[in-house]
């Protein structure tokens, strides 16, 4: 598994958790979020940083998959690495689409269900 894939997956999961999962889980546990409130304000920058790391992971994976002349020491990327990069890409794209597309649609759906 390539290190870039692991780093990209970690970045995507951190951007996602900083926005949604981490604050809710800590609130359910009864812990305050004062120390982590800066992460929620930096959602856009964290998501863009995760997107950059994922792009670097895809570039490294693509370069490793190309056959080279004379040098056969590099192995092809594993299915796990490609799966992790795909999952991380999907999560970051979901995070980018959440506020402008998914959230307004979900709020109107909730409001119409209450009425």
Protein backbone atom coordinates (compact mmCIF):
# COMPACT_ATOMS: atom_id res chain seq x y z
CA UNK A 1 0.00 0.00 0.00
CA UNK A 2 1.42 3.37 -0.90
CA UNK A 3 2.00 5.98 1.77
CA UNK A 4 0.25 8.62 -0.30
CA UNK A 5 -2.95 6.57 -0.31
CA UNK A 6 -2.86 6.27 3.46
CA UNK A 7 -2.15 9.98 3.84
CA UNK A 8 -4.92 10.89 1.42
CA UNK A 9 -7.41 8.68 3.21
CA UNK A 10 -6.41 10.16 6.57
CA UNK A 11 -6.79 13.70 5.23
CA UNK A 12 -10.23 12.98 3.83
CA UNK A 13 -11.41 11.30 7.00
CA UNK A 14 -10.05 14.17 9.13
CA UNK A 15 -11.81 16.78 6.99
CA UNK A 16 -15.04 14.81 7.22
CA UNK A 17 -14.76 14.15 10.94
CA UNK A 18 -13.81 17.73 11.78
CA UNK A 19 -17.07 18.85 10.25
CA UNK A 20 -19.57 16.26 11.36
CA UNK A 21 -18.61 13.11 13.21
CA UNK A 22 -16.12 14.38 15.79
CA UNK A 23 -18.26 17.22 17.23
CA UNK A 24 -21.34 15.01 17.47
CA UNK A 25 -19.52 12.11 19.09
CA UNK A 26 -17.79 14.34 21.64
CA UNK A 27 -21.07 16.09 22.45
CA UNK A 28 -22.73 12.72 23.00
CA UNK A 29 -19.88 11.76 25.32
CA UNK A 30 -20.41 14.99 27.28
CA UNK A 31 -17.08 16.54 26.35
CA UNK A 32 -16.71 20.17 25.38
CA UNK A 33 -15.60 21.24 21.93
CA UNK A 34 -13.80 24.44 22.85
CA UNK A 35 -10.41 23.15 21.78
CA UNK A 36 -11.65 21.83 18.45
CA UNK A 37 -13.88 24.70 17.43
CA UNK A 38 -11.18 26.09 15.15
CA UNK A 39 -11.38 22.93 12.97
CA UNK A 40 -15.05 23.52 12.15
CA UNK A 41 -14.24 27.05 11.00
CA UNK A 42 -11.49 25.76 8.74
CA UNK A 43 -13.71 23.25 6.93
CA UNK A 44 -13.08 24.62 3.44
CA UNK A 45 -9.30 24.76 3.85
CA UNK A 46 -9.14 21.29 5.37
CA UNK A 47 -11.27 19.87 2.57
CA UNK A 48 -9.13 21.53 -0.11
CA UNK A 49 -5.96 20.26 1.60
CA UNK A 50 -7.43 16.75 1.64
CA UNK A 51 -8.28 17.10 -2.05
CA UNK A 52 -4.67 18.10 -2.80
CA UNK A 53 -3.28 15.15 -0.88
CA UNK A 54 -5.68 12.79 -2.63
CA UNK A 55 -4.66 14.19 -6.02
CA UNK A 56 -1.02 13.55 -5.09
CA UNK A 57 -1.98 10.01 -4.08
CA UNK A 58 -3.66 9.40 -7.45
CA UNK A 59 -0.60 10.77 -9.28
CA UNK A 60 1.74 8.47 -7.35
CA UNK A 61 -0.57 5.52 -7.95
CA UNK A 62 -0.77 6.30 -11.66
CA UNK A 63 3.02 6.59 -11.93
CA UNK A 64 3.52 3.29 -10.12
CA UNK A 65 1.08 1.52 -12.43
CA UNK A 66 2.96 2.53 -15.60
CA UNK A 67 5.54 0.00 -16.75
CA UNK A 68 9.11 1.27 -16.81
CA UNK A 69 11.90 0.25 -19.12
CA UNK A 70 14.54 -1.89 -17.49
CA UNK A 71 13.43 -1.33 -13.89
CA UNK A 72 11.05 -3.98 -12.61
CA UNK A 73 11.55 -3.35 -8.90
CA UNK A 74 8.34 -1.36 -8.42
CA UNK A 75 5.18 -3.33 -7.74
CA UNK A 76 1.82 -2.33 -9.11
CA UNK A 77 -0.46 -0.52 -6.64
CA UNK A 78 -2.58 -2.88 -4.58
CA UNK A 79 -6.34 -3.07 -4.78
CA UNK A 80 -6.49 -1.87 -1.19
CA UNK A 81 -4.57 1.31 -2.05
CA UNK A 82 -6.83 2.03 -5.01
CA UNK A 83 -9.90 1.28 -2.89
CA UNK A 84 -8.74 3.64 -0.15
CA UNK A 85 -8.01 6.38 -2.66
CA UNK A 86 -11.43 5.89 -4.22
CA UNK A 87 -13.18 6.04 -0.84
CA UNK A 88 -11.19 9.12 0.17
CA UNK A 89 -12.04 10.81 -3.14
CA UNK A 90 -15.72 10.04 -2.68
CA UNK A 91 -15.72 11.42 0.88
CA UNK A 92 -13.97 14.64 -0.11
CA UNK A 93 -16.30 15.18 -3.06
CA UNK A 94 -19.23 14.60 -0.72
CA UNK A 95 -17.76 17.14 1.71
CA UNK A 96 -17.37 19.68 -1.11
CA UNK A 97 -20.94 19.15 -2.30
CA UNK A 98 -22.48 19.10 1.18
CA UNK A 99 -23.03 22.78 1.93
CA UNK A 100 -24.03 24.11 -1.51
CA UNK A 101 -26.03 21.12 -2.80
CA UNK A 102 -26.97 18.45 -0.25
CA UNK A 103 -27.66 20.57 2.83
CA UNK A 104 -30.25 22.93 1.23
CA UNK A 105 -32.00 19.96 -0.37
CA UNK A 106 -32.07 18.06 2.93
CA UNK A 107 -33.34 21.10 4.86
CA UNK A 108 -36.22 21.66 2.44
CA UNK A 109 -37.05 17.97 2.65
CA UNK A 110 -37.10 18.17 6.46
CA UNK A 111 -39.21 21.34 6.45
CA UNK A 112 -41.74 19.80 4.06
CA UNK A 113 -41.97 16.66 6.21
CA UNK A 114 -42.78 18.71 9.33
CA UNK A 115 -45.56 20.67 7.65
